[in-house]
Amino acid sequence: MLPNSEEPYARYHTQEEWLEGYVNMASRIYKSERFSVEQKDEKLQGLASANTDYISTLSSFDKIKIKAELVKAGVNPSPKSVQSLTPPDEEHNEEIS
């Protein structure tokens, strides 16, 4: 499913096919040069939300597998957590004695 859609973007016959399709869509969003970082985060959050019903039926192991496949595809599976970190050039560094 895609955000704001009542019809599935694609139909899959197996969980493995769904996983491949989900990771492919997330990867396309994440690597797109058309979107800002904030837009990518919003779209990835929307993709996850649109697929919540299906994802909630998966085992904990399968949910971990989704995150692993996202990372393998170069997608940050938790984009909001990265934004909350202080950028390296703005860190306050103190000497440790």
N, C-alpha and C. Protein backbone atom coordinates (compact mmCIF):
# COMPACT_ATOMS: atom_id res chain seq x y z
N MET A 1 0.83 -1.19 0.00
CA MET A 1 0.00 0.00 0.00
C MET A 1 0.88 1.25 0.00
N LEU A 2 0.36 2.28 -0.63
CA LEU A 2 1.01 3.57 -0.60
C LEU A 2 0.14 4.52 0.21
N PRO A 3 0.74 5.54 0.81
CA PRO A 3 -0.06 6.51 1.57
C PRO A 3 -1.15 7.13 0.70
N ASN A 4 -2.28 7.43 1.31
CA ASN A 4 -3.40 8.09 0.64
C ASN A 4 -3.95 7.31 -0.55
N SER A 5 -3.83 5.99 -0.49
CA SER A 5 -4.32 5.15 -1.57
C SER A 5 -5.24 4.09 -0.99
N GLU A 6 -6.34 3.86 -1.66
CA GLU A 6 -7.25 2.82 -1.21
C GLU A 6 -6.99 1.50 -1.91
N GLU A 7 -6.27 1.55 -3.00
CA GLU A 7 -5.94 0.35 -3.75
C GLU A 7 -4.46 0.01 -3.55
N PRO A 8 -4.13 -1.25 -3.46
CA PRO A 8 -2.71 -1.63 -3.32
C PRO A 8 -1.89 -1.17 -4.52
N TYR A 9 -0.67 -0.74 -4.27
CA TYR A 9 0.26 -0.37 -5.34
C TYR A 9 0.63 -1.60 -6.14
N ALA A 10 0.80 -2.71 -5.41
CA ALA A 10 1.14 -3.99 -6.03
C ALA A 10 0.62 -5.10 -5.14
N ARG A 11 0.43 -6.26 -5.72
CA ARG A 11 0.00 -7.44 -4.95
C ARG A 11 1.11 -8.48 -5.01
N TYR A 12 1.33 -9.13 -3.89
CA TYR A 12 2.39 -10.13 -3.80
C TYR A 12 1.81 -11.44 -3.30
N HIS A 13 2.38 -12.55 -3.76
CA HIS A 13 1.87 -13.86 -3.40
C HIS A 13 2.55 -14.44 -2.16
N THR A 14 3.73 -13.93 -1.84
CA THR A 14 4.45 -14.44 -0.68
C THR A 14 4.97 -13.29 0.17
N GLN A 15 5.31 -13.61 1.39
CA GLN A 15 5.88 -12.61 2.29
C GLN A 15 7.21 -12.12 1.75
N GLU A 16 7.99 -13.00 1.15
CA GLU A 16 9.29 -12.61 0.60
C GLU A 16 9.12 -11.61 -0.55
N GLU A 17 8.11 -11.84 -1.40
CA GLU A 17 7.85 -10.90 -2.49
C GLU A 17 7.42 -9.53 -1.92
N TRP A 18 6.56 -9.55 -0.90
CA TRP A 18 6.13 -8.29 -0.28
C TRP A 18 7.34 -7.56 0.30
N LEU A 19 8.20 -8.28 1.01
CA LEU A 19 9.38 -7.67 1.61
C LEU A 19 10.26 -7.03 0.55
N GLU A 20 10.47 -7.73 -0.55
CA GLU A 20 11.29 -7.19 -1.64
C GLU A 20 10.64 -5.93 -2.22
N GLY A 21 9.33 -5.95 -2.41
CA GLY A 21 8.62 -4.79 -2.94
C GLY A 21 8.66 -3.60 -1.99
N TYR A 22 8.47 -3.88 -0.70
CA TYR A 22 8.48 -2.83 0.32
C TYR A 22 9.87 -2.18 0.40
N VAL A 23 10.89 -2.99 0.45
CA VAL A 23 12.27 -2.47 0.54
C VAL A 23 12.62 -1.71 -0.74
N ASN A 24 12.18 -2.20 -1.89
CA ASN A 24 12.44 -1.52 -3.15
C ASN A 24 11.80 -0.13 -3.15
N MET A 25 10.54 -0.04 -2.70
CA MET A 25 9.86 1.26 -2.67
C MET A 25 10.56 2.21 -1.69
N ALA A 26 10.89 1.71 -0.51
CA ALA A 26 11.57 2.54 0.48
C ALA A 26 12.92 3.02 -0.06
N SER A 27 13.63 2.15 -0.73
CA SER A 27 14.93 2.50 -1.30
C SER A 27 14.79 3.58 -2.37
N ARG A 28 13.77 3.47 -3.21
CA ARG A 28 13.54 4.47 -4.25
C ARG A 28 13.25 5.84 -3.62
N ILE A 29 12.47 5.85 -2.55
CA ILE A 29 12.18 7.11 -1.86
C ILE A 29 13.46 7.67 -1.26
N TYR A 30 14.19 6.83 -0.53
CA TYR A 30 15.38 7.27 0.21
C TYR A 30 16.48 7.80 -0.71
N LYS A 31 16.60 7.21 -1.89
CA LYS A 31 17.68 7.58 -2.80
C LYS A 31 17.27 8.66 -3.80
N SER A 32 16.00 9.05 -3.78
CA SER A 32 15.51 10.04 -4.73
C SER A 32 16.18 11.40 -4.48
N GLU A 33 16.56 12.04 -5.56
CA GLU A 33 17.14 13.38 -5.46
C GLU A 33 16.07 14.46 -5.56
N ARG A 34 14.82 14.05 -5.83
CA ARG A 34 13.72 15.03 -5.96
C ARG A 34 13.22 15.52 -4.62
N PHE A 35 13.47 14.74 -3.55
CA PHE A 35 12.91 15.07 -2.25
C PHE A 35 13.98 15.56 -1.28
N SER A 36 13.57 16.48 -0.40
CA SER A 36 14.46 16.91 0.68
C SER A 36 14.50 15.80 1.73
N VAL A 37 15.41 15.92 2.68
CA VAL A 37 15.50 14.93 3.76
C VAL A 37 14.18 14.84 4.51
N GLU A 38 13.58 15.99 4.78
CA GLU A 38 12.31 16.02 5.50
C GLU A 38 11.21 15.34 4.71
N GLN A 39 11.16 15.57 3.39
CA GLN A 39 10.15 14.93 2.55
C GLN A 39 10.36 13.42 2.49
N LYS A 40 11.61 13.00 2.43
CA LYS A 40 11.91 11.56 2.42
C LYS A 40 11.44 10.92 3.72
N ASP A 41 11.73 11.58 4.84
CA ASP A 41 11.29 11.06 6.14
C ASP A 41 9.78 10.94 6.18
N GLU A 42 9.10 11.97 5.69
CA GLU A 42 7.64 11.97 5.68
C GLU A 42 7.10 10.84 4.81
N LYS A 43 7.69 10.65 3.65
CA LYS A 43 7.24 9.60 2.73
C LYS A 43 7.52 8.21 3.30
N LEU A 44 8.68 8.03 3.93
CA LEU A 44 9.00 6.73 4.53
C LEU A 44 8.07 6.43 5.70
N GLN A 45 7.75 7.45 6.49
CA GLN A 45 6.80 7.28 7.59
C GLN A 45 5.43 6.91 7.03
N GLY A 46 5.03 7.58 5.95
CA GLY A 46 3.75 7.30 5.32
C GLY A 46 3.69 5.89 4.75
N LEU A 47 4.78 5.44 4.15
CA LEU A 47 4.84 4.09 3.61
C LEU A 47 4.67 3.07 4.73
N ALA A 48 5.38 3.29 5.83
CA ALA A 48 5.26 2.37 6.98
C ALA A 48 3.83 2.39 7.53
N SER A 49 3.25 3.58 7.65
CA SER A 49 1.88 3.69 8.18
C SER A 49 0.87 3.01 7.27
N ALA A 50 1.03 3.17 5.97
CA ALA A 50 0.10 2.56 5.01
C ALA A 50 0.16 1.04 5.05
N ASN A 51 1.27 0.50 5.53
CA ASN A 51 1.45 -0.95 5.58
C ASN A 51 1.37 -1.51 7.00
N THR A 52 0.92 -0.70 7.95
CA THR A 52 0.85 -1.10 9.35
C THR A 52 0.02 -2.37 9.55
N ASP A 53 -1.12 -2.46 8.86
CA ASP A 53 -1.98 -3.64 9.04
C ASP A 53 -1.23 -4.92 8.69
N TYR A 54 -0.51 -4.91 7.58
CA TYR A 54 0.22 -6.11 7.19
C TYR A 54 1.41 -6.34 8.12
N ILE A 55 2.15 -5.29 8.40
CA ILE A 55 3.35 -5.42 9.24
C ILE A 55 2.98 -5.95 10.63
N SER A 56 1.81 -5.56 11.14
CA SER A 56 1.40 -6.01 12.47
C SER A 56 1.13 -7.51 12.53
N THR A 57 0.94 -8.15 11.39
CA THR A 57 0.71 -9.60 11.37
C THR A 57 2.01 -10.39 11.38
N LEU A 58 3.13 -9.71 11.22
CA LEU A 58 4.42 -10.39 11.13
C LEU A 58 5.00 -10.69 12.51
N SER A 59 5.83 -11.69 12.56
CA SER A 59 6.51 -12.03 13.80
C SER A 59 7.59 -11.00 14.10
N SER A 60 8.07 -10.98 15.32
CA SER A 60 9.16 -10.07 15.69
C SER A 60 10.38 -10.31 14.83
N PHE A 61 10.65 -11.57 14.55
CA PHE A 61 11.80 -11.92 13.70
C PHE A 61 11.65 -11.31 12.31
N ASP A 62 10.44 -11.41 11.75
CA ASP A 62 10.21 -10.86 10.41
C ASP A 62 10.31 -9.34 10.41
N LYS A 63 9.90 -8.70 11.48
CA LYS A 63 10.03 -7.24 11.58
C LYS A 63 11.49 -6.83 11.63
N ILE A 64 12.30 -7.62 12.32
CA ILE A 64 13.74 -7.37 12.35
C ILE A 64 14.33 -7.58 10.97
N LYS A 65 13.82 -8.59 10.28
CA LYS A 65 14.29 -8.88 8.91
C LYS A 65 14.00 -7.70 7.98
N ILE A 66 12.84 -7.06 8.14
CA ILE A 66 12.51 -5.88 7.33
C ILE A 66 13.55 -4.80 7.57
N LYS A 67 13.85 -4.52 8.84
CA LYS A 67 14.84 -3.48 9.15
C LYS A 67 16.20 -3.83 8.58
N ALA A 68 16.59 -5.10 8.67
CA ALA A 68 17.88 -5.53 8.14
C ALA A 68 17.94 -5.34 6.62
N GLU A 69 16.86 -5.68 5.94
CA GLU A 69 16.81 -5.53 4.48
C GLU A 69 16.83 -4.05 4.09
N LEU A 70 16.17 -3.21 4.88
CA LEU A 70 16.21 -1.77 4.61
C LEU A 70 17.64 -1.24 4.74
N VAL A 71 18.32 -1.65 5.79
CA VAL A 71 19.71 -1.22 6.00
C VAL A 71 20.59 -1.72 4.86
N LYS A 72 20.40 -2.98 4.47
CA LYS A 72 21.18 -3.56 3.38
C LYS A 72 20.96 -2.79 2.08
N ALA A 73 19.76 -2.24 1.89
CA ALA A 73 19.44 -1.47 0.69
C ALA A 73 19.89 -0.02 0.80
N GLY A 74 20.47 0.35 1.94
CA GLY A 74 20.97 1.70 2.13
C GLY A 74 19.95 2.66 2.72
N VAL A 75 18.83 2.13 3.23
CA VAL A 75 17.77 2.96 3.79
C VAL A 75 17.89 3.00 5.30
N ASN A 76 17.79 4.19 5.89
CA ASN A 76 17.76 4.31 7.34
C ASN A 76 16.37 3.90 7.81
N PRO A 77 16.23 2.80 8.55
CA PRO A 77 14.89 2.34 8.95
C PRO A 77 14.23 3.21 10.01
N SER A 78 14.98 4.12 10.62
CA SER A 78 14.43 5.02 11.64
C SER A 78 14.89 6.45 11.36
N PRO A 79 14.41 7.06 10.29
CA PRO A 79 14.95 8.37 9.91
C PRO A 79 14.76 9.46 10.94
N LYS A 80 13.68 9.44 11.72
CA LYS A 80 13.44 10.49 12.71
C LYS A 80 14.50 10.49 13.80
N SER A 81 15.01 9.32 14.16
CA SER A 81 16.00 9.26 15.22
C SER A 81 17.30 9.93 14.81
N VAL A 82 17.62 9.89 13.53
CA VAL A 82 18.85 10.52 13.04
C VAL A 82 18.73 12.03 13.15
N GLN A 83 17.56 12.59 12.85
CA GLN A 83 17.39 14.04 12.89
C GLN A 83 17.52 14.58 14.30
N SER A 84 17.22 13.76 15.30
CA SER A 84 17.27 14.25 16.67
C SER A 84 18.70 14.32 17.21
N LEU A 85 19.64 13.73 16.52
CA LEU A 85 21.03 13.77 16.96
C LEU A 85 21.65 15.11 16.60
N THR A 86 22.56 15.57 17.41
CA THR A 86 23.27 16.81 17.13
C THR A 86 24.23 16.58 15.98
N PRO A 87 24.18 17.42 14.95
CA PRO A 87 25.13 17.27 13.85
C PRO A 87 26.56 17.38 14.36
N PRO A 88 27.50 16.61 13.79
CA PRO A 88 28.88 16.60 14.28
C PRO A 88 29.52 17.98 14.34
N ASP A 89 29.20 18.86 13.39
CA ASP A 89 29.83 20.18 13.40
C ASP A 89 29.25 21.10 14.47
N GLU A 90 28.15 20.68 15.13
CA GLU A 90 27.56 21.49 16.18
C GLU A 90 27.76 20.89 17.58
N GLU A 91 28.48 19.78 17.63
CA GLU A 91 28.72 19.14 18.93
C GLU A 91 29.60 20.03 19.80
N HIS A 92 29.36 19.96 21.09
CA HIS A 92 30.20 20.65 22.04
C HIS A 92 31.19 19.63 22.58
N ASN A 93 32.45 19.84 22.28
CA ASN A 93 33.48 18.90 22.71
C ASN A 93 34.24 19.47 23.90
N GLU A 94 34.28 18.70 24.96
CA GLU A 94 35.06 19.10 26.14
C GLU A 94 36.22 18.16 26.30
N GLU A 95 37.30 18.73 26.82
CA GLU A 95 38.45 17.88 27.10
C GLU A 95 38.15 17.02 28.31
N ILE A 96 38.57 15.79 28.21
CA ILE A 96 38.42 14.85 29.34
C ILE A 96 39.76 14.75 30.02
N SER A 97 39.77 14.99 31.33
CA SER A 97 41.06 14.92 32.02
C SER A 97 41.11 13.75 32.96
